[in-house]
Amino acid sequence: SLTPGDSFGQLLFLVGGGLLAPIGEETLFRGYVFNAFRLTFASKRWG
């Protein structure tokens, strides 16, 4: 729900989607999920 000329809303959207989301997603998916799978499957040949 972005509207033309809403600079503040667009800036918040850019900060949220362009900075905060990547920090959160990388922390969750690579920092936690990938490493949890890696450690869980470490003893497997295809871990």
All heavy atoms as atom14 arrays in JSON, in Angstrom:
{
  "sequence": "SLTPGDSFGQLLFLVGGGLLAPIGEETLFRGYVFNAFRLTFASKRWG",
  "atom14_mask": [
    [1, 1, 1, 1, 1, 1, 0, 0, 0, 0, 0, 0, 0, 0],
    [1, 1, 1, 1, 1, 1, 1, 1, 0, 0, 0, 0, 0, 0],
    [1, 1, 1, 1, 1, 1, 1, 0, 0, 0, 0, 0, 0, 0],
    [1, 1, 1, 1, 1, 1, 1, 0, 0, 0, 0, 0, 0, 0],
    [1, 1, 1, 1, 0, 0, 0, 0, 0, 0, 0, 0, 0, 0],
    [1, 1, 1, 1, 1, 1, 1, 1, 0, 0, 0, 0, 0, 0],
    [1, 1, 1, 1, 1, 1, 0, 0, 0, 0, 0, 0, 0, 0],
    [1, 1, 1, 1, 1, 1, 1, 1, 1, 1, 1, 0, 0, 0],
    [1, 1, 1, 1, 0, 0, 0, 0, 0, 0, 0, 0, 0, 0],
    [1, 1, 1, 1, 1, 1, 1, 1, 1, 0, 0, 0, 0, 0],
    [1, 1, 1, 1, 1, 1, 1, 1, 0, 0, 0, 0, 0, 0],
    [1, 1, 1, 1, 1, 1, 1, 1, 0, 0, 0, 0, 0, 0],
    [1, 1, 1, 1, 1, 1, 1, 1, 1, 1, 1, 0, 0, 0],
    [1, 1, 1, 1, 1, 1, 1, 1, 0, 0, 0, 0, 0, 0],
    [1, 1, 1, 1, 1, 1, 1, 0, 0, 0, 0, 0, 0, 0],
    [1, 1, 1, 1, 0, 0, 0, 0, 0, 0, 0, 0, 0, 0],
    [1, 1, 1, 1, 0, 0, 0, 0, 0, 0, 0, 0, 0, 0],
    [1, 1, 1, 1, 0, 0, 0, 0, 0, 0, 0, 0, 0, 0],
    [1, 1, 1, 1, 1, 1, 1, 1, 0, 0, 0, 0, 0, 0],
    [1, 1, 1, 1, 1, 1, 1, 1, 0, 0, 0, 0, 0, 0],
    [1, 1, 1, 1, 1, 0, 0, 0, 0, 0, 0, 0, 0, 0],
    [1, 1, 1, 1, 1, 1, 1, 0, 0, 0, 0, 0, 0, 0],
    [1, 1, 1, 1, 1, 1, 1, 1, 0, 0, 0, 0, 0, 0],
    [1, 1, 1, 1, 0, 0, 0, 0, 0, 0, 0, 0, 0, 0],
    [1, 1, 1, 1, 1, 1, 1, 1, 1, 0, 0, 0, 0, 0],
    [1, 1, 1, 1, 1, 1, 1, 1, 1, 0, 0, 0, 0, 0],
    [1, 1, 1, 1, 1, 1, 1, 0, 0, 0, 0, 0, 0, 0],
    [1, 1, 1, 1, 1, 1, 1, 1, 0, 0, 0, 0, 0, 0],
    [1, 1, 1, 1, 1, 1, 1, 1, 1, 1, 1, 0, 0, 0],
    [1, 1, 1, 1, 1, 1, 1, 1, 1, 1, 1, 0, 0, 0],
    [1, 1, 1, 1, 0, 0, 0, 0, 0, 0, 0, 0, 0, 0],
    [1, 1, 1, 1, 1, 1, 1, 1, 1, 1, 1, 1, 0, 0],
    [1, 1, 1, 1, 1, 1, 1, 0, 0, 0, 0, 0, 0, 0],
    [1, 1, 1, 1, 1, 1, 1, 1, 1, 1, 1, 0, 0, 0],
    [1, 1, 1, 1, 1, 1, 1, 1, 0, 0, 0, 0, 0, 0],
    [1, 1, 1, 1, 1, 0, 0, 0, 0, 0, 0, 0, 0, 0],
    [1, 1, 1, 1, 1, 1, 1, 1, 1, 1, 1, 0, 0, 0],
    [1, 1, 1, 1, 1, 1, 1, 1, 1, 1, 1, 0, 0, 0],
    [1, 1, 1, 1, 1, 1, 1, 1, 0, 0, 0, 0, 0, 0],
    [1, 1, 1, 1, 1, 1, 1, 0, 0, 0, 0, 0, 0, 0],
    [1, 1, 1, 1, 1, 1, 1, 1, 1, 1, 1, 0, 0, 0],
    [1, 1, 1, 1, 1, 0, 0, 0, 0, 0, 0, 0, 0, 0],
    [1, 1, 1, 1, 1, 1, 0, 0, 0, 0, 0, 0, 0, 0],
    [1, 1, 1, 1, 1, 1, 1, 1, 1, 0, 0, 0, 0, 0],
    [1, 1, 1, 1, 1, 1, 1, 1, 1, 1, 1, 0, 0, 0],
    [1, 1, 1, 1, 1, 1, 1, 1, 1, 1, 1, 1, 1, 1],
    [1, 1, 1, 1, 0, 0, 0, 0, 0, 0, 0, 0, 0, 0]
  ],
  "atom14_positions": [
    [[0.83, -1.21, 0.0], [0.0, 0.0, 0.0], [0.87, 1.26, 0.0], [0.86, 2.04, 0.94], [-0.94, -0.01, 1.21], [-0.18, -0.08, 2.4], [0.0, 0.0, 0.0], [0.0, 0.0, 0.0], [0.0, 0.0, 0.0], [0.0, 0.0, 0.0], [0.0, 0.0, 0.0], [0.0, 0.0, 0.0], [0.0, 0.0, 0.0], [0.0, 0.0, 0.0]],
    [[1.6, 1.43, -1.07], [2.42, 2.62, -1.25], [1.68, 3.59, -2.16], [1.11, 3.18, -3.16], [3.76, 2.26, -1.88], [4.67, 1.37, -1.04], [5.88, 0.95, -1.86], [5.12, 2.09, 0.21], [0.0, 0.0, 0.0], [0.0, 0.0, 0.0], [0.0, 0.0, 0.0], [0.0, 0.0, 0.0], [0.0, 0.0, 0.0], [0.0, 0.0, 0.0]],
    [[1.71, 4.85, -1.81], [1.03, 5.84, -2.63], [2.06, 6.83, -3.19], [3.07, 7.13, -2.53], [-0.03, 6.6, -1.83], [0.57, 7.17, -0.66], [-1.15, 5.68, -1.39], [0.0, 0.0, 0.0], [0.0, 0.0, 0.0], [0.0, 0.0, 0.0], [0.0, 0.0, 0.0], [0.0, 0.0, 0.0], [0.0, 0.0, 0.0], [0.0, 0.0, 0.0]],
    [[1.81, 7.32, -4.39], [2.73, 8.29, -4.99], [2.91, 9.5, -4.08], [1.95, 10.01, -3.5], [2.03, 8.69, -6.29], [1.11, 7.56, -6.6], [0.69, 7.01, -5.27], [0.0, 0.0, 0.0], [0.0, 0.0, 0.0], [0.0, 0.0, 0.0], [0.0, 0.0, 0.0], [0.0, 0.0, 0.0], [0.0, 0.0, 0.0], [0.0, 0.0, 0.0]],
    [[4.15, 9.92, -3.93], [4.45, 11.12, -3.16], [4.55, 10.92, -1.66], [4.91, 11.84, -0.94], [0.0, 0.0, 0.0], [0.0, 0.0, 0.0], [0.0, 0.0, 0.0], [0.0, 0.0, 0.0], [0.0, 0.0, 0.0], [0.0, 0.0, 0.0], [0.0, 0.0, 0.0], [0.0, 0.0, 0.0], [0.0, 0.0, 0.0], [0.0, 0.0, 0.0]],
    [[4.26, 9.75, -1.15], [4.35, 9.48, 0.29], [5.8, 9.12, 0.64], [6.14, 7.97, 0.87], [3.39, 8.35, 0.69], [3.48, 8.0, 2.16], [4.07, 8.79, 2.94], [2.97, 6.93, 2.54], [0.0, 0.0, 0.0], [0.0, 0.0, 0.0], [0.0, 0.0, 0.0], [0.0, 0.0, 0.0], [0.0, 0.0, 0.0], [0.0, 0.0, 0.0]],
    [[6.65, 10.13, 0.68], [8.09, 9.91, 0.87], [8.4, 9.21, 2.18], [9.25, 8.31, 2.23], [8.84, 11.24, 0.82], [8.66, 11.85, -0.43], [0.0, 0.0, 0.0], [0.0, 0.0, 0.0], [0.0, 0.0, 0.0], [0.0, 0.0, 0.0], [0.0, 0.0, 0.0], [0.0, 0.0, 0.0], [0.0, 0.0, 0.0], [0.0, 0.0, 0.0]],
    [[7.74, 9.61, 3.25], [8.02, 8.99, 4.55], [7.62, 7.52, 4.55], [8.38, 6.66, 5.01], [7.32, 9.75, 5.68], [7.65, 9.22, 7.04], [8.93, 9.36, 7.56], [6.7, 8.57, 7.81], [9.26, 8.86, 8.82], [7.02, 8.07, 9.06], [8.3, 8.21, 9.57], [0.0, 0.0, 0.0], [0.0, 0.0, 0.0], [0.0, 0.0, 0.0]],
    [[6.44, 7.21, 4.06], [5.99, 5.83, 3.98], [6.9, 4.98, 3.1], [7.21, 3.83, 3.42], [0.0, 0.0, 0.0], [0.0, 0.0, 0.0], [0.0, 0.0, 0.0], [0.0, 0.0, 0.0], [0.0, 0.0, 0.0], [0.0, 0.0, 0.0], [0.0, 0.0, 0.0], [0.0, 0.0, 0.0], [0.0, 0.0, 0.0], [0.0, 0.0, 0.0]],
    [[7.33, 5.55, 1.99], [8.22, 4.84, 1.08], [9.59, 4.62, 1.71], [10.2, 3.56, 1.54], [8.34, 5.61, -0.24], [7.03, 5.61, -1.01], [7.04, 6.55, -2.19], [8.06, 7.15, -2.51], [5.89, 6.7, -2.83], [0.0, 0.0, 0.0], [0.0, 0.0, 0.0], [0.0, 0.0, 0.0], [0.0, 0.0, 0.0], [0.0, 0.0, 0.0]],
    [[10.07, 5.61, 2.47], [11.35, 5.45, 3.17], [11.25, 4.34, 4.21], [12.14, 3.49, 4.31], [11.76, 6.77, 3.84], [13.05, 6.71, 4.66], [14.25, 6.39, 3.77], [13.26, 8.02, 5.39], [0.0, 0.0, 0.0], [0.0, 0.0, 0.0], [0.0, 0.0, 0.0], [0.0, 0.0, 0.0], [0.0, 0.0, 0.0], [0.0, 0.0, 0.0]],
    [[10.18, 4.33, 4.97], [9.98, 3.26, 5.96], [9.92, 1.89, 5.29], [10.49, 0.91, 5.78], [8.71, 3.5, 6.77], [8.74, 4.64, 7.77], [7.39, 4.79, 8.45], [9.84, 4.44, 8.81], [0.0, 0.0, 0.0], [0.0, 0.0, 0.0], [0.0, 0.0, 0.0], [0.0, 0.0, 0.0], [0.0, 0.0, 0.0], [0.0, 0.0, 0.0]],
    [[9.22, 1.83, 4.16], [9.11, 0.59, 3.4], [10.49, 0.13, 2.92], [10.83, -1.05, 3.02], [8.17, 0.82, 2.21], [7.88, -0.4, 1.4], [7.07, -1.41, 1.9], [8.41, -0.54, 0.14], [6.79, -2.53, 1.15], [8.14, -1.66, -0.62], [7.33, -2.67, -0.1], [0.0, 0.0, 0.0], [0.0, 0.0, 0.0], [0.0, 0.0, 0.0]],
    [[11.29, 1.06, 2.43], [12.63, 0.75, 1.95], [13.54, 0.28, 3.08], [14.27, -0.7, 2.94], [13.23, 1.97, 1.24], [14.59, 1.8, 0.57], [14.54, 0.71, -0.48], [15.03, 3.11, -0.05], [0.0, 0.0, 0.0], [0.0, 0.0, 0.0], [0.0, 0.0, 0.0], [0.0, 0.0, 0.0], [0.0, 0.0, 0.0], [0.0, 0.0, 0.0]],
    [[13.47, 0.95, 4.22], [14.29, 0.54, 5.37], [13.85, -0.83, 5.87], [14.68, -1.7, 6.15], [14.22, 1.6, 6.51], [14.83, 1.08, 7.79], [14.91, 2.88, 6.08], [0.0, 0.0, 0.0], [0.0, 0.0, 0.0], [0.0, 0.0, 0.0], [0.0, 0.0, 0.0], [0.0, 0.0, 0.0], [0.0, 0.0, 0.0], [0.0, 0.0, 0.0]],
    [[12.54, -1.04, 5.97], [12.03, -2.33, 6.44], [12.36, -3.47, 5.5], [12.89, -4.51, 5.91], [0.0, 0.0, 0.0], [0.0, 0.0, 0.0], [0.0, 0.0, 0.0], [0.0, 0.0, 0.0], [0.0, 0.0, 0.0], [0.0, 0.0, 0.0], [0.0, 0.0, 0.0], [0.0, 0.0, 0.0], [0.0, 0.0, 0.0], [0.0, 0.0, 0.0]],
    [[12.06, -3.28, 4.21], [12.27, -4.35, 3.23], [13.7, -4.46, 2.74], [14.14, -5.53, 2.34], [0.0, 0.0, 0.0], [0.0, 0.0, 0.0], [0.0, 0.0, 0.0], [0.0, 0.0, 0.0], [0.0, 0.0, 0.0], [0.0, 0.0, 0.0], [0.0, 0.0, 0.0], [0.0, 0.0, 0.0], [0.0, 0.0, 0.0], [0.0, 0.0, 0.0]],
    [[14.41, -3.35, 2.75], [15.76, -3.34, 2.2], [16.86, -3.55, 3.22], [17.98, -3.89, 2.86], [0.0, 0.0, 0.0], [0.0, 0.0, 0.0], [0.0, 0.0, 0.0], [0.0, 0.0, 0.0], [0.0, 0.0, 0.0], [0.0, 0.0, 0.0], [0.0, 0.0, 0.0], [0.0, 0.0, 0.0], [0.0, 0.0, 0.0], [0.0, 0.0, 0.0]],
    [[16.54, -3.36, 4.5], [17.57, -3.51, 5.53], [17.14, -4.44, 6.66], [17.81, -5.43, 6.97], [17.95, -2.14, 6.09], [19.05, -2.15, 7.15], [20.35, -2.69, 6.6], [19.25, -0.75, 7.71], [0.0, 0.0, 0.0], [0.0, 0.0, 0.0], [0.0, 0.0, 0.0], [0.0, 0.0, 0.0], [0.0, 0.0, 0.0], [0.0, 0.0, 0.0]],
    [[16.0, -4.14, 7.27], [15.58, -4.93, 8.42], [15.2, -6.36, 8.06], [15.58, -7.3, 8.76], [14.42, -4.23, 9.14], [14.74, -2.85, 9.72], [13.51, -2.24, 10.36], [15.9, -2.91, 10.69], [0.0, 0.0, 0.0], [0.0, 0.0, 0.0], [0.0, 0.0, 0.0], [0.0, 0.0, 0.0], [0.0, 0.0, 0.0], [0.0, 0.0, 0.0]],
    [[14.46, -6.53, 6.96], [14.08, -7.88, 6.53], [15.31, -8.73, 6.21], [15.4, -9.88, 6.67], [13.12, -7.83, 5.35], [0.0, 0.0, 0.0], [0.0, 0.0, 0.0], [0.0, 0.0, 0.0], [0.0, 0.0, 0.0], [0.0, 0.0, 0.0], [0.0, 0.0, 0.0], [0.0, 0.0, 0.0], [0.0, 0.0, 0.0], [0.0, 0.0, 0.0]],
    [[16.29, -8.23, 5.46], [17.48, -9.04, 5.21], [18.24, -9.43, 6.49], [18.72, -10.55, 6.6], [18.35, -8.15, 4.31], [17.35, -7.33, 3.57], [16.28, -7.03, 4.59], [0.0, 0.0, 0.0], [0.0, 0.0, 0.0], [0.0, 0.0, 0.0], [0.0, 0.0, 0.0], [0.0, 0.0, 0.0], [0.0, 0.0, 0.0], [0.0, 0.0, 0.0]],
    [[18.33, -8.51, 7.45], [19.0, -8.85, 8.7], [18.25, -9.98, 9.41], [18.84, -10.97, 9.83], [19.12, -7.61, 9.61], [20.11, -6.61, 9.02], [19.55, -8.02, 11.03], [20.12, -5.25, 9.72], [0.0, 0.0, 0.0], [0.0, 0.0, 0.0], [0.0, 0.0, 0.0], [0.0, 0.0, 0.0], [0.0, 0.0, 0.0], [0.0, 0.0, 0.0]],
    [[16.94, -9.83, 9.52], [16.14, -10.85, 10.18], [16.14, -12.17, 9.45], [16.29, -13.24, 10.06], [0.0, 0.0, 0.0], [0.0, 0.0, 0.0], [0.0, 0.0, 0.0], [0.0, 0.0, 0.0], [0.0, 0.0, 0.0], [0.0, 0.0, 0.0], [0.0, 0.0, 0.0], [0.0, 0.0, 0.0], [0.0, 0.0, 0.0], [0.0, 0.0, 0.0]],
    [[15.98, -12.13, 8.13], [15.91, -13.36, 7.35], [17.25, -14.09, 7.31], [17.3, -15.32, 7.38], [15.42, -13.08, 5.93], [13.95, -12.7, 5.9], [13.43, -12.41, 4.51], [14.22, -12.4, 3.55], [12.22, -12.18, 4.39], [0.0, 0.0, 0.0], [0.0, 0.0, 0.0], [0.0, 0.0, 0.0], [0.0, 0.0, 0.0], [0.0, 0.0, 0.0]],
    [[18.34, -13.36, 7.2], [19.65, -14.02, 7.2], [19.94, -14.63, 8.57], [20.48, -15.73, 8.66], [20.76, -13.05, 6.79], [20.71, -12.66, 5.33], [20.66, -13.85, 4.4], [21.54, -14.73, 4.49], [19.73, -13.91, 3.56], [0.0, 0.0, 0.0], [0.0, 0.0, 0.0], [0.0, 0.0, 0.0], [0.0, 0.0, 0.0], [0.0, 0.0, 0.0]],
    [[19.57, -13.91, 9.62], [19.76, -14.45, 10.96], [18.96, -15.73, 11.15], [19.46, -16.73, 11.67], [19.36, -13.41, 12.03], [20.17, -12.24, 11.84], [19.54, -13.95, 13.43], [0.0, 0.0, 0.0], [0.0, 0.0, 0.0], [0.0, 0.0, 0.0], [0.0, 0.0, 0.0], [0.0, 0.0, 0.0], [0.0, 0.0, 0.0], [0.0, 0.0, 0.0]],
    [[17.7, -15.72, 10.7], [16.84, -16.9, 10.85], [17.25, -18.03, 9.92], [17.52, -19.15, 10.37], [15.38, -16.52, 10.6], [14.39, -17.69, 10.61], [14.34, -18.35, 11.99], [13.01, -17.22, 10.19], [0.0, 0.0, 0.0], [0.0, 0.0, 0.0], [0.0, 0.0, 0.0], [0.0, 0.0, 0.0], [0.0, 0.0, 0.0], [0.0, 0.0, 0.0]],
    [[17.29, -17.76, 8.62], [17.46, -18.84, 7.65], [18.89, -19.35, 7.5], [19.1, -20.55, 7.32], [16.91, -18.44, 6.27], [15.42, -18.4, 6.25], [14.75, -17.2, 6.35], [14.67, -19.57, 6.17], [13.36, -17.15, 6.35], [13.29, -19.54, 6.17], [12.63, -18.33, 6.26], [0.0, 0.0, 0.0], [0.0, 0.0, 0.0], [0.0, 0.0, 0.0]],
    [[19.88, -18.49, 7.55], [21.25, -18.95, 7.45], [21.88, -19.14, 8.82], [22.55, -20.13, 9.08], [22.1, -17.99, 6.6], [22.26, -18.41, 5.17], [21.01, -18.65, 4.39], [20.32, -17.42, 4.02], [19.13, -17.41, 3.44], [18.5, -18.52, 3.14], [18.55, -16.27, 3.14], [0.0, 0.0, 0.0], [0.0, 0.0, 0.0], [0.0, 0.0, 0.0]],
    [[21.64, -18.21, 9.73], [22.23, -18.31, 11.05], [21.64, -19.43, 11.89], [22.36, -20.12, 12.6], [0.0, 0.0, 0.0], [0.0, 0.0, 0.0], [0.0, 0.0, 0.0], [0.0, 0.0, 0.0], [0.0, 0.0, 0.0], [0.0, 0.0, 0.0], [0.0, 0.0, 0.0], [0.0, 0.0, 0.0], [0.0, 0.0, 0.0], [0.0, 0.0, 0.0]],
    [[20.34, -19.62, 11.79], [19.71, -20.65, 12.6], [19.34, -21.9, 11.79], [19.82, -22.99, 12.07], [18.47, -20.11, 13.33], [17.8, -21.17, 14.15], [18.37, -21.6, 15.34], [16.65, -21.79, 13.71], [17.79, -22.62, 16.08], [16.05, -22.81, 14.44], [16.63, -23.22, 15.63], [16.06, -24.23, 16.35], [0.0, 0.0, 0.0], [0.0, 0.0, 0.0]],
    [[18.46, -21.74, 10.79], [17.93, -22.91, 10.07], [19.04, -23.69, 9.36], [19.15, -24.91, 9.54], [16.81, -22.5, 9.07], [16.38, -23.67, 8.21], [15.62, -21.91, 9.82], [0.0, 0.0, 0.0], [0.0, 0.0, 0.0], [0.0, 0.0, 0.0], [0.0, 0.0, 0.0], [0.0, 0.0, 0.0], [0.0, 0.0, 0.0], [0.0, 0.0, 0.0]],
    [[19.84, -23.03, 8.56], [20.91, -23.74, 7.84], [21.84, -24.43, 8.82], [22.18, -25.61, 8.66], [21.7, -22.78, 6.94], [22.91, -23.43, 6.33], [22.8, -24.33, 5.3], [24.18, -23.16, 6.82], [23.91, -24.95, 4.75], [25.3, -23.77, 6.29], [25.17, -24.66, 5.24], [0.0, 0.0, 0.0], [0.0, 0.0, 0.0], [0.0, 0.0, 0.0]],
    [[22.27, -23.7, 9.85], [23.2, -24.3, 10.82], [22.56, -25.42, 11.62], [23.23, -26.4, 11.96], [23.79, -23.23, 11.73], [24.9, -22.47, 11.03], [25.75, -23.06, 10.38], [24.87, -21.15, 11.13], [0.0, 0.0, 0.0], [0.0, 0.0, 0.0], [0.0, 0.0, 0.0], [0.0, 0.0, 0.0], [0.0, 0.0, 0.0], [0.0, 0.0, 0.0]],
    [[21.27, -25.3, 11.93], [20.59, -26.38, 12.64], [20.54, -27.63, 11.78], [20.82, -28.74, 12.26], [19.18, -25.94, 13.04], [0.0, 0.0, 0.0], [0.0, 0.0, 0.0], [0.0, 0.0, 0.0], [0.0, 0.0, 0.0], [0.0, 0.0, 0.0], [0.0, 0.0, 0.0], [0.0, 0.0, 0.0], [0.0, 0.0, 0.0], [0.0, 0.0, 0.0]],
    [[20.2, -27.47, 10.51], [20.2, -28.62, 9.59], [21.61, -29.18, 9.43], [21.81, -30.4, 9.43], [19.64, -28.24, 8.22], [18.15, -28.14, 8.15], [17.55, -27.11, 7.42], [17.32, -29.05, 8.78], [16.17, -27.01, 7.33], [15.94, -28.97, 8.69], [15.36, -27.94, 7.97], [0.0, 0.0, 0.0], [0.0, 0.0, 0.0], [0.0, 0.0, 0.0]],
    [[22.57, -28.31, 9.3], [23.96, -28.74, 9.12], [24.43, -29.57, 10.31], [25.03, -30.63, 10.14], [24.86, -27.51, 8.93], [26.3, -27.83, 8.61], [27.09, -26.55, 8.34], [27.07, -25.63, 9.45], [27.87, -25.7, 10.52], [28.76, -26.66, 10.61], [27.81, -24.79, 11.46], [0.0, 0.0, 0.0], [0.0, 0.0, 0.0], [0.0, 0.0, 0.0]],
    [[24.15, -29.11, 11.5], [24.56, -29.84, 12.7], [23.75, -31.12, 12.89], [24.28, -32.15, 13.31], [24.45, -28.94, 13.92], [25.41, -27.74, 13.94], [25.09, -26.82, 15.1], [26.85, -28.2, 13.96], [0.0, 0.0, 0.0], [0.0, 0.0, 0.0], [0.0, 0.0, 0.0], [0.0, 0.0, 0.0], [0.0, 0.0, 0.0], [0.0, 0.0, 0.0]],
    [[22.46, -31.06, 12.58], [21.59, -32.23, 12.72], [22.02, -33.34, 11.77], [22.03, -34.52, 12.14], [20.13, -31.85, 12.45], [19.74, -30.86, 13.41], [19.21, -33.05, 12.55], [0.0, 0.0, 0.0], [0.0, 0.0, 0.0], [0.0, 0.0, 0.0], [0.0, 0.0, 0.0], [0.0, 0.0, 0.0], [0.0, 0.0, 0.0], [0.0, 0.0, 0.0]],
    [[22.37, -32.98, 10.54], [22.72, -33.97, 9.53], [24.24, -34.19, 9.43], [24.7, -34.84, 8.49], [22.2, -33.54, 8.16], [20.72, -33.31, 8.11], [20.2, -32.21, 7.42], [19.82, -34.16, 8.75], [18.84, -31.99, 7.36], [18.46, -33.94, 8.7], [17.96, -32.85, 8.0], [0.0, 0.0, 0.0], [0.0, 0.0, 0.0], [0.0, 0.0, 0.0]],
    [[25.01, -33.68, 10.36], [26.47, -33.73, 10.27], [27.01, -35.15, 10.15], [28.01, -35.38, 9.46], [27.1, -33.04, 11.48], [0.0, 0.0, 0.0], [0.0, 0.0, 0.0], [0.0, 0.0, 0.0], [0.0, 0.0, 0.0], [0.0, 0.0, 0.0], [0.0, 0.0, 0.0], [0.0, 0.0, 0.0], [0.0, 0.0, 0.0], [0.0, 0.0, 0.0]],
    [[26.37, -36.09, 10.78], [26.87, -37.46, 10.74], [26.47, -38.22, 9.47], [26.95, -39.32, 9.22], [26.37, -38.24, 11.97], [24.95, -38.34, 11.92], [0.0, 0.0, 0.0], [0.0, 0.0, 0.0], [0.0, 0.0, 0.0], [0.0, 0.0, 0.0], [0.0, 0.0, 0.0], [0.0, 0.0, 0.0], [0.0, 0.0, 0.0], [0.0, 0.0, 0.0]],
    [[25.61, -37.63, 8.67], [25.14, -38.27, 7.44], [26.11, -37.96, 6.3], [26.72, -36.9, 6.25], [23.75, -37.77, 7.05], [22.73, -37.85, 8.16], [22.29, -39.27, 8.38], [21.16, -39.28, 9.39], [21.27, -40.31, 10.36], [0.0, 0.0, 0.0], [0.0, 0.0, 0.0], [0.0, 0.0, 0.0], [0.0, 0.0, 0.0], [0.0, 0.0, 0.0]],
    [[26.19, -38.87, 5.36], [27.07, -38.69, 4.21], [26.69, -37.44, 3.41], [27.55, -36.71, 2.93], [27.0, -39.93, 3.32], [27.91, -39.84, 2.14], [27.96, -41.14, 1.39], [28.8, -40.95, 0.22], [28.59, -41.55, -0.92], [27.6, -42.39, -1.05], [29.38, -41.33, -1.94], [0.0, 0.0, 0.0], [0.0, 0.0, 0.0], [0.0, 0.0, 0.0]],
    [[25.41, -37.21, 3.24], [24.92, -36.07, 2.47], [24.44, -34.95, 3.37], [23.58, -34.16, 3.0], [23.79, -36.51, 1.54], [24.3, -37.42, 0.47], [24.24, -38.79, 0.46], [24.97, -37.04, -0.72], [24.83, -39.28, -0.67], [25.3, -38.22, -1.42], [25.34, -35.81, -1.27], [25.97, -38.21, -2.63], [26.01, -35.81, -2.48], [26.31, -36.99, -3.15]],
    [[24.99, -34.85, 4.57], [24.53, -33.89, 5.57], [24.6, -32.44, 5.15], [23.62, -31.71, 5.25], [0.0, 0.0, 0.0], [0.0, 0.0, 0.0], [0.0, 0.0, 0.0], [0.0, 0.0, 0.0], [0.0, 0.0, 0.0], [0.0, 0.0, 0.0], [0.0, 0.0, 0.0], [0.0, 0.0, 0.0], [0.0, 0.0, 0.0], [0.0, 0.0, 0.0]]
  ]
}
